[in-house]
Amino acid sequence: MEGHLLMSPKERRRMAVLGEVKLKRLKVVEAAEALGLSCRQARRIWRRYQEEGDAGLVHALRGRRSGRAKPVALKTQVLARVKARYADFGPTLAAEHLEREGMVVDHETLRRWMMESGQWSVRRRGRKHRQWRERRANLGLMVQLDGSPEFRRGHS
């Protein structure tokens, strides 16, 4: 393993505790207690650590493609179609139009793909303009804006 950057905090903690076992400062049973594992699981992890080193602590499925992932060919085909025909569409509308063409992709999946490829970016709406009135010099003083004659003369 090149570095410990690919390890999760849990895996780094296991590495530190098993390092203590390696230096014979801890027994595997004590390491199991420190890590909150059963003795059996701690022994299994210790065996793998002895055989493979630090890399044995990293989850075996890390970096692998999900079993639920859409095929790469579909992804490239969909993105090409969106770029060619639906470039100015949002992901939801584009997904609806693609479905009519026989390419069924969830709008969230399409949004993620479009963001990865740079075809879509999140644009936040600007805040509505709101201008605050100027604070009055004395507490309770407010300018009357109702247009009644008694307030036009400057009564207070």
N, C-alpha and C. Protein backbone atom coordinates (compact mmCIF):
# COMPACT_ATOMS: atom_id res chain seq x y z
N MET A 1 0.85 -1.18 0.00
CA MET A 1 0.00 0.00 0.00
C MET A 1 0.89 1.24 0.00
N GLU A 2 0.64 2.19 -0.92
CA GLU A 2 1.49 3.36 -1.07
C GLU A 2 1.50 4.24 0.17
N GLY A 3 0.32 4.55 0.67
CA GLY A 3 0.22 5.43 1.83
C GLY A 3 -1.00 5.08 2.63
N HIS A 4 -1.15 5.74 3.72
CA HIS A 4 -2.28 5.47 4.59
C HIS A 4 -3.44 6.41 4.28
N LEU A 5 -3.33 7.15 3.17
CA LEU A 5 -4.39 8.08 2.80
C LEU A 5 -5.66 7.34 2.37
N LEU A 6 -5.49 6.11 1.88
CA LEU A 6 -6.64 5.35 1.40
C LEU A 6 -7.36 4.61 2.51
N MET A 7 -6.81 4.67 3.71
CA MET A 7 -7.42 3.97 4.84
C MET A 7 -8.47 4.84 5.50
N SER A 8 -9.52 4.19 5.97
CA SER A 8 -10.54 4.90 6.73
C SER A 8 -10.02 5.10 8.15
N PRO A 9 -10.62 6.01 8.92
CA PRO A 9 -10.19 6.19 10.32
C PRO A 9 -10.26 4.89 11.12
N LYS A 10 -11.26 4.07 10.85
CA LYS A 10 -11.42 2.79 11.55
C LYS A 10 -10.23 1.87 11.24
N GLU A 11 -9.84 1.85 9.96
CA GLU A 11 -8.72 1.00 9.55
C GLU A 11 -7.40 1.51 10.11
N ARG A 12 -7.23 2.84 10.18
CA ARG A 12 -6.01 3.40 10.78
C ARG A 12 -5.92 3.06 12.26
N ARG A 13 -7.07 3.09 12.95
CA ARG A 13 -7.09 2.72 14.37
C ARG A 13 -6.70 1.25 14.55
N ARG A 14 -7.24 0.40 13.70
CA ARG A 14 -6.89 -1.03 13.75
C ARG A 14 -5.39 -1.22 13.53
N MET A 15 -4.83 -0.45 12.58
CA MET A 15 -3.40 -0.56 12.28
C MET A 15 -2.57 -0.18 13.51
N ALA A 16 -2.98 0.90 14.21
CA ALA A 16 -2.25 1.35 15.38
C ALA A 16 -2.30 0.29 16.50
N VAL A 17 -3.49 -0.25 16.74
CA VAL A 17 -3.64 -1.25 17.81
C VAL A 17 -2.90 -2.53 17.46
N LEU A 18 -3.01 -2.99 16.22
CA LEU A 18 -2.31 -4.21 15.81
C LEU A 18 -0.79 -3.99 15.76
N GLY A 19 -0.37 -2.76 15.56
CA GLY A 19 1.06 -2.43 15.66
C GLY A 19 1.56 -2.66 17.08
N GLU A 20 0.71 -2.36 18.05
CA GLU A 20 1.06 -2.62 19.46
C GLU A 20 1.16 -4.13 19.72
N VAL A 21 0.27 -4.89 19.09
CA VAL A 21 0.32 -6.35 19.23
C VAL A 21 1.61 -6.86 18.60
N LYS A 22 1.98 -6.30 17.47
CA LYS A 22 3.20 -6.71 16.76
C LYS A 22 4.44 -6.45 17.63
N LEU A 23 4.42 -5.33 18.36
CA LEU A 23 5.54 -5.00 19.25
C LEU A 23 5.44 -5.72 20.59
N LYS A 24 4.43 -6.57 20.72
CA LYS A 24 4.17 -7.38 21.91
C LYS A 24 3.88 -6.53 23.15
N ARG A 25 3.33 -5.36 22.94
CA ARG A 25 2.88 -4.52 24.06
C ARG A 25 1.45 -4.88 24.46
N LEU A 26 0.70 -5.49 23.50
CA LEU A 26 -0.67 -5.93 23.75
C LEU A 26 -0.82 -7.37 23.29
N LYS A 27 -1.77 -8.07 23.87
CA LYS A 27 -2.14 -9.40 23.39
C LYS A 27 -3.33 -9.22 22.45
N VAL A 28 -3.58 -10.19 21.58
CA VAL A 28 -4.68 -10.12 20.62
C VAL A 28 -6.01 -9.97 21.35
N VAL A 29 -6.15 -10.60 22.49
CA VAL A 29 -7.39 -10.51 23.27
C VAL A 29 -7.61 -9.07 23.75
N GLU A 30 -6.54 -8.41 24.19
CA GLU A 30 -6.63 -7.01 24.64
C GLU A 30 -6.91 -6.09 23.46
N ALA A 31 -6.32 -6.40 22.32
CA ALA A 31 -6.57 -5.61 21.10
C ALA A 31 -8.04 -5.73 20.70
N ALA A 32 -8.60 -6.93 20.84
CA ALA A 32 -10.01 -7.15 20.50
C ALA A 32 -10.89 -6.26 21.37
N GLU A 33 -10.57 -6.20 22.64
CA GLU A 33 -11.35 -5.37 23.56
C GLU A 33 -11.20 -3.89 23.21
N ALA A 34 -9.97 -3.47 22.89
CA ALA A 34 -9.71 -2.07 22.54
C ALA A 34 -10.45 -1.66 21.26
N LEU A 35 -10.57 -2.61 20.34
CA LEU A 35 -11.23 -2.31 19.05
C LEU A 35 -12.73 -2.60 19.08
N GLY A 36 -13.20 -3.17 20.17
CA GLY A 36 -14.63 -3.49 20.26
C GLY A 36 -15.03 -4.65 19.38
N LEU A 37 -14.11 -5.63 19.24
CA LEU A 37 -14.36 -6.81 18.41
C LEU A 37 -14.40 -8.06 19.27
N SER A 38 -14.93 -9.13 18.69
CA SER A 38 -14.86 -10.42 19.39
C SER A 38 -13.43 -10.94 19.26
N CYS A 39 -13.05 -11.85 20.16
CA CYS A 39 -11.70 -12.43 20.10
C CYS A 39 -11.47 -13.14 18.77
N ARG A 40 -12.52 -13.83 18.31
CA ARG A 40 -12.40 -14.59 17.06
C ARG A 40 -12.14 -13.65 15.88
N GLN A 41 -12.89 -12.56 15.81
CA GLN A 41 -12.70 -11.63 14.70
C GLN A 41 -11.34 -10.94 14.79
N ALA A 42 -10.91 -10.63 16.01
CA ALA A 42 -9.60 -9.99 16.19
C ALA A 42 -8.49 -10.91 15.71
N ARG A 43 -8.61 -12.21 16.02
CA ARG A 43 -7.59 -13.17 15.57
C ARG A 43 -7.57 -13.26 14.05
N ARG A 44 -8.77 -13.24 13.44
CA ARG A 44 -8.86 -13.30 11.97
C ARG A 44 -8.18 -12.08 11.34
N ILE A 45 -8.47 -10.90 11.90
CA ILE A 45 -7.87 -9.66 11.38
C ILE A 45 -6.37 -9.67 11.62
N TRP A 46 -5.93 -10.15 12.79
CA TRP A 46 -4.50 -10.21 13.12
C TRP A 46 -3.77 -11.13 12.14
N ARG A 47 -4.40 -12.28 11.81
CA ARG A 47 -3.79 -13.21 10.86
C ARG A 47 -3.62 -12.56 9.50
N ARG A 48 -4.65 -11.86 9.03
CA ARG A 48 -4.57 -11.19 7.73
C ARG A 48 -3.52 -10.07 7.77
N TYR A 49 -3.41 -9.36 8.89
CA TYR A 49 -2.42 -8.30 9.05
C TYR A 49 -1.01 -8.88 8.98
N GLN A 50 -0.81 -10.06 9.57
CA GLN A 50 0.51 -10.69 9.54
C GLN A 50 0.88 -11.14 8.13
N GLU A 51 -0.13 -11.62 7.39
CA GLU A 51 0.13 -12.13 6.04
C GLU A 51 0.32 -11.01 5.01
N GLU A 52 -0.54 -9.97 5.09
CA GLU A 52 -0.55 -8.94 4.04
C GLU A 52 -0.02 -7.58 4.49
N GLY A 53 0.21 -7.41 5.76
CA GLY A 53 0.68 -6.12 6.27
C GLY A 53 -0.46 -5.11 6.34
N ASP A 54 -0.13 -3.83 6.20
CA ASP A 54 -1.13 -2.75 6.30
C ASP A 54 -2.26 -2.93 5.29
N ALA A 55 -1.93 -3.42 4.09
CA ALA A 55 -2.93 -3.59 3.03
C ALA A 55 -4.00 -4.60 3.44
N GLY A 56 -3.69 -5.51 4.35
CA GLY A 56 -4.65 -6.50 4.80
C GLY A 56 -5.77 -5.90 5.65
N LEU A 57 -5.56 -4.69 6.14
CA LEU A 57 -6.58 -4.03 6.95
C LEU A 57 -7.57 -3.24 6.12
N VAL A 58 -7.21 -2.93 4.88
CA VAL A 58 -8.08 -2.16 4.00
C VAL A 58 -9.17 -3.08 3.48
N HIS A 59 -10.38 -2.58 3.45
CA HIS A 59 -11.52 -3.37 3.00
C HIS A 59 -11.27 -3.91 1.60
N ALA A 60 -11.52 -5.20 1.41
CA ALA A 60 -11.19 -5.88 0.15
C ALA A 60 -11.98 -5.35 -1.04
N LEU A 61 -13.16 -4.78 -0.81
CA LEU A 61 -13.98 -4.30 -1.92
C LEU A 61 -13.73 -2.83 -2.26
N ARG A 62 -12.79 -2.18 -1.57
CA ARG A 62 -12.52 -0.77 -1.82
C ARG A 62 -12.02 -0.56 -3.24
N GLY A 63 -12.61 0.40 -3.92
CA GLY A 63 -12.19 0.75 -5.27
C GLY A 63 -12.86 -0.07 -6.36
N ARG A 64 -13.64 -1.07 -5.98
CA ARG A 64 -14.32 -1.88 -7.00
C ARG A 64 -15.63 -1.23 -7.40
N ARG A 65 -16.04 -1.51 -8.61
CA ARG A 65 -17.29 -0.98 -9.15
C ARG A 65 -18.47 -1.68 -8.47
N SER A 66 -19.52 -0.93 -8.21
CA SER A 66 -20.71 -1.46 -7.57
C SER A 66 -21.40 -2.48 -8.47
N GLY A 67 -22.01 -3.46 -7.85
CA GLY A 67 -22.75 -4.46 -8.60
C GLY A 67 -24.04 -3.88 -9.19
N ARG A 68 -24.48 -2.74 -8.64
CA ARG A 68 -25.71 -2.10 -9.11
C ARG A 68 -25.45 -1.01 -10.16
N ALA A 69 -24.19 -0.75 -10.46
CA ALA A 69 -23.83 0.32 -11.39
C ALA A 69 -24.34 0.03 -12.80
N LYS A 70 -24.73 1.08 -13.49
CA LYS A 70 -25.17 0.93 -14.89
C LYS A 70 -23.94 0.62 -15.75
N PRO A 71 -24.12 -0.08 -16.87
CA PRO A 71 -22.98 -0.38 -17.75
C PRO A 71 -22.31 0.90 -18.27
N VAL A 72 -21.00 0.86 -18.41
CA VAL A 72 -20.24 2.02 -18.88
C VAL A 72 -20.69 2.42 -20.29
N ALA A 73 -21.03 1.44 -21.11
CA ALA A 73 -21.47 1.72 -22.48
C ALA A 73 -22.76 2.55 -22.47
N LEU A 74 -23.69 2.22 -21.57
CA LEU A 74 -24.93 2.98 -21.46
C LEU A 74 -24.65 4.41 -21.02
N LYS A 75 -23.74 4.54 -20.07
CA LYS A 75 -23.39 5.87 -19.56
C LYS A 75 -22.84 6.76 -20.67
N THR A 76 -21.90 6.24 -21.45
CA THR A 76 -21.31 7.04 -22.54
C THR A 76 -22.34 7.35 -23.62
N GLN A 77 -23.21 6.38 -23.92
CA GLN A 77 -24.25 6.58 -24.93
C GLN A 77 -25.23 7.67 -24.47
N VAL A 78 -25.65 7.61 -23.21
CA VAL A 78 -26.60 8.58 -22.67
C VAL A 78 -25.99 9.97 -22.65
N LEU A 79 -24.74 10.07 -22.17
CA LEU A 79 -24.09 11.39 -22.10
C LEU A 79 -23.89 12.00 -23.49
N ALA A 80 -23.56 11.16 -24.46
CA ALA A 80 -23.40 11.65 -25.83
C ALA A 80 -24.73 12.16 -26.37
N ARG A 81 -25.79 11.43 -26.08
CA ARG A 81 -27.13 11.83 -26.55
C ARG A 81 -27.58 13.13 -25.90
N VAL A 82 -27.31 13.26 -24.60
CA VAL A 82 -27.68 14.48 -23.88
C VAL A 82 -26.91 15.67 -24.45
N LYS A 83 -25.63 15.46 -24.72
CA LYS A 83 -24.79 16.55 -25.25
C LYS A 83 -25.26 16.96 -26.65
N ALA A 84 -25.62 15.97 -27.46
CA ALA A 84 -26.02 16.25 -28.84
C ALA A 84 -27.42 16.87 -28.92
N ARG A 85 -28.36 16.35 -28.16
CA ARG A 85 -29.75 16.75 -28.36
C ARG A 85 -30.38 17.54 -27.21
N TYR A 86 -29.94 17.27 -25.97
CA TYR A 86 -30.60 17.89 -24.81
C TYR A 86 -29.62 18.70 -23.96
N ALA A 87 -28.71 19.38 -24.60
CA ALA A 87 -27.66 20.12 -23.89
C ALA A 87 -28.21 21.21 -22.98
N ASP A 88 -29.32 21.82 -23.37
CA ASP A 88 -29.86 22.92 -22.57
C ASP A 88 -30.95 22.45 -21.61
N PHE A 89 -31.14 21.14 -21.48
CA PHE A 89 -32.15 20.58 -20.58
C PHE A 89 -31.53 20.31 -19.21
N GLY A 90 -32.37 20.33 -18.20
CA GLY A 90 -31.95 19.88 -16.88
C GLY A 90 -32.01 18.36 -16.85
N PRO A 91 -31.44 17.75 -15.82
CA PRO A 91 -31.40 16.28 -15.76
C PRO A 91 -32.78 15.62 -15.75
N THR A 92 -33.75 16.22 -15.08
CA THR A 92 -35.07 15.60 -14.98
C THR A 92 -35.75 15.55 -16.34
N LEU A 93 -35.77 16.69 -17.02
CA LEU A 93 -36.40 16.75 -18.34
C LEU A 93 -35.64 15.88 -19.35
N ALA A 94 -34.32 15.92 -19.28
CA ALA A 94 -33.51 15.10 -20.19
C ALA A 94 -33.80 13.61 -19.96
N ALA A 95 -33.95 13.20 -18.70
CA ALA A 95 -34.24 11.80 -18.39
C ALA A 95 -35.59 11.38 -18.96
N GLU A 96 -36.57 12.29 -18.90
CA GLU A 96 -37.89 11.99 -19.47
C GLU A 96 -37.81 11.80 -20.97
N HIS A 97 -37.06 12.67 -21.65
CA HIS A 97 -36.93 12.57 -23.11
C HIS A 97 -36.13 11.33 -23.50
N LEU A 98 -35.10 11.01 -22.71
CA LEU A 98 -34.30 9.81 -23.00
C LEU A 98 -35.14 8.55 -22.84
N GLU A 99 -36.05 8.56 -21.87
CA GLU A 99 -36.93 7.41 -21.64
C GLU A 99 -37.80 7.15 -22.87
N ARG A 100 -38.26 8.24 -23.51
CA ARG A 100 -39.07 8.10 -24.73
C ARG A 100 -38.27 7.46 -25.87
N GLU A 101 -36.93 7.66 -25.81
CA GLU A 101 -36.05 7.08 -26.83
C GLU A 101 -35.59 5.67 -26.46
N GLY A 102 -36.02 5.19 -25.30
CA GLY A 102 -35.67 3.83 -24.89
C GLY A 102 -34.45 3.73 -23.99
N MET A 103 -33.89 4.86 -23.59
CA MET A 103 -32.75 4.85 -22.67
C MET A 103 -33.26 5.24 -21.28
N VAL A 104 -33.53 4.24 -20.45
CA VAL A 104 -34.11 4.49 -19.13
C VAL A 104 -32.98 4.70 -18.11
N VAL A 105 -32.92 5.93 -17.60
CA VAL A 105 -31.95 6.30 -16.57
C VAL A 105 -32.67 7.20 -15.58
N ASP A 106 -32.49 6.93 -14.30
CA ASP A 106 -33.10 7.77 -13.27
C ASP A 106 -32.52 9.19 -13.36
N HIS A 107 -33.34 10.18 -13.07
CA HIS A 107 -32.89 11.57 -13.21
C HIS A 107 -31.74 11.90 -12.26
N GLU A 108 -31.71 11.27 -11.08
CA GLU A 108 -30.61 11.53 -10.14
C GLU A 108 -29.30 10.94 -10.66
N THR A 109 -29.38 9.76 -11.25
CA THR A 109 -28.19 9.14 -11.85
C THR A 109 -27.69 10.01 -12.99
N LEU A 110 -28.62 10.48 -13.82
CA LEU A 110 -28.26 11.35 -14.94
C LEU A 110 -27.64 12.65 -14.45
N ARG A 111 -28.20 13.21 -13.38
CA ARG A 111 -27.66 14.46 -12.80
C ARG A 111 -26.21 14.24 -12.37
N ARG A 112 -25.96 13.12 -11.67
CA ARG A 112 -24.60 12.81 -11.20
C ARG A 112 -23.64 12.65 -12.38
N TRP A 113 -24.08 11.92 -13.42
CA TRP A 113 -23.26 11.73 -14.61
C TRP A 113 -22.97 13.05 -15.30
N MET A 114 -24.00 13.89 -15.42
CA MET A 114 -23.83 15.19 -16.10
C MET A 114 -22.88 16.09 -15.32
N MET A 115 -22.96 16.04 -13.99
CA MET A 115 -22.05 16.85 -13.17
C MET A 115 -20.61 16.35 -13.30
N GLU A 116 -20.42 15.03 -13.32
CA GLU A 116 -19.08 14.45 -13.49
C GLU A 116 -18.46 14.87 -14.82
N SER A 117 -19.27 14.88 -15.88
CA SER A 117 -18.74 15.19 -17.21
C SER A 117 -18.69 16.69 -17.50
N GLY A 118 -19.21 17.50 -16.58
CA GLY A 118 -19.18 18.95 -16.76
C GLY A 118 -20.32 19.49 -17.61
N GLN A 119 -21.34 18.68 -17.89
CA GLN A 119 -22.46 19.13 -18.70
C GLN A 119 -23.53 19.82 -17.85
N TRP A 120 -23.42 19.73 -16.54
CA TRP A 120 -24.41 20.31 -15.65
C TRP A 120 -23.71 20.82 -14.39
N SER A 121 -24.12 21.98 -13.93
CA SER A 121 -23.59 22.48 -12.66
C SER A 121 -24.74 23.02 -11.84
N VAL A 122 -24.59 22.97 -10.54
CA VAL A 122 -25.62 23.44 -9.64
C VAL A 122 -25.62 24.95 -9.66
N ARG A 123 -26.77 25.52 -10.00
CA ARG A 123 -26.88 26.99 -9.99
C ARG A 123 -27.87 27.38 -8.92
N ARG A 124 -27.39 28.07 -7.93
CA ARG A 124 -28.27 28.49 -6.84
C ARG A 124 -29.02 29.73 -7.28
N ARG A 125 -30.26 29.83 -6.87
CA ARG A 125 -31.05 31.01 -7.20
C ARG A 125 -30.58 32.18 -6.36
N GLY A 126 -30.57 33.36 -6.98
CA GLY A 126 -30.18 34.56 -6.24
C GLY A 126 -31.21 34.91 -5.19
N ARG A 127 -30.78 35.56 -4.15
CA ARG A 127 -31.71 35.93 -3.09
C ARG A 127 -32.59 37.08 -3.54
N LYS A 128 -33.82 37.09 -3.08
CA LYS A 128 -34.76 38.14 -3.43
C LYS A 128 -34.28 39.44 -2.78
N HIS A 129 -34.31 40.52 -3.54
CA HIS A 129 -33.83 41.80 -3.03
C HIS A 129 -34.75 42.30 -1.93
N ARG A 130 -34.17 42.72 -0.83
CA ARG A 130 -34.95 43.23 0.29
C ARG A 130 -34.19 44.40 0.87
N GLN A 131 -34.78 45.58 0.84
CA GLN A 131 -34.10 46.77 1.35
C GLN A 131 -34.70 47.13 2.71
N TRP A 132 -33.86 47.21 3.71
CA TRP A 132 -34.31 47.52 5.06
C TRP A 132 -34.49 49.02 5.20
N ARG A 133 -35.51 49.41 5.98
CA ARG A 133 -35.71 50.84 6.22
C ARG A 133 -34.63 51.32 7.19
N GLU A 134 -34.36 52.62 7.14
CA GLU A 134 -33.36 53.20 8.03
C GLU A 134 -33.93 53.25 9.46
N ARG A 135 -33.12 52.89 10.42
CA ARG A 135 -33.54 52.88 11.80
C ARG A 135 -33.80 54.30 12.28
N ARG A 136 -34.81 54.45 13.15
CA ARG A 136 -35.16 55.78 13.67
C ARG A 136 -34.28 56.11 14.87
N ALA A 137 -34.14 57.44 15.12
CA ALA A 137 -33.28 57.91 16.21
C ALA A 137 -33.83 57.52 17.57
N ASN A 138 -35.14 57.62 17.79
CA ASN A 138 -35.75 57.30 19.08
C ASN A 138 -36.60 56.04 18.96
N LEU A 139 -36.61 55.28 20.03
CA LEU A 139 -37.39 54.07 20.09
C LEU A 139 -38.87 54.39 19.90
N GLY A 140 -39.55 53.68 19.04
CA GLY A 140 -40.97 53.88 18.84
C GLY A 140 -41.32 54.84 17.72
N LEU A 141 -40.37 55.62 17.23
CA LEU A 141 -40.64 56.55 16.13
C LEU A 141 -40.66 55.80 14.81
N MET A 142 -41.75 55.96 14.07
CA MET A 142 -41.81 55.36 12.75
C MET A 142 -42.42 56.36 11.78
N VAL A 143 -41.99 56.30 10.56
CA VAL A 143 -42.54 57.18 9.54
C VAL A 143 -43.87 56.59 9.10
N GLN A 144 -44.94 57.43 9.11
CA GLN A 144 -46.25 56.95 8.67
C GLN A 144 -46.34 57.09 7.16
N LEU A 145 -46.69 56.04 6.50
CA LEU A 145 -46.77 56.06 5.04
C LEU A 145 -48.19 55.79 4.55
N ASP A 146 -49.20 56.13 5.40
CA ASP A 146 -50.56 55.79 5.00
C ASP A 146 -51.24 56.91 4.22
N GLY A 147 -50.64 58.10 4.14
CA GLY A 147 -51.19 59.18 3.33
C GLY A 147 -52.35 59.93 3.97
N SER A 148 -52.66 59.69 5.22
CA SER A 148 -53.76 60.43 5.85
C SER A 148 -53.31 61.87 6.14
N PRO A 149 -54.24 62.88 6.04
CA PRO A 149 -53.87 64.29 6.13
C PRO A 149 -53.21 64.68 7.45
N GLU A 150 -53.62 64.09 8.58
CA GLU A 150 -53.03 64.50 9.85
C GLU A 150 -51.55 64.15 9.96
N PHE A 151 -51.10 63.13 9.22
CA PHE A 151 -49.71 62.76 9.28
C PHE A 151 -48.88 63.49 8.21
N ARG A 152 -49.53 64.04 7.21
CA ARG A 152 -48.79 64.79 6.19
C ARG A 152 -48.29 66.11 6.75
N ARG A 153 -49.00 66.66 7.74
CA ARG A 153 -48.59 67.95 8.30
C ARG A 153 -47.45 67.83 9.29
N GLY A 154 -47.10 66.57 9.68
CA GLY A 154 -45.99 66.43 10.61
C GLY A 154 -46.41 66.32 12.05
N HIS A 155 -47.65 65.91 12.31
CA HIS A 155 -48.09 65.64 13.70
C HIS A 155 -47.28 64.54 14.30
N SER A 156 -47.07 64.64 15.61
CA SER A 156 -46.45 63.51 16.29
C SER A 156 -47.08 63.25 17.62
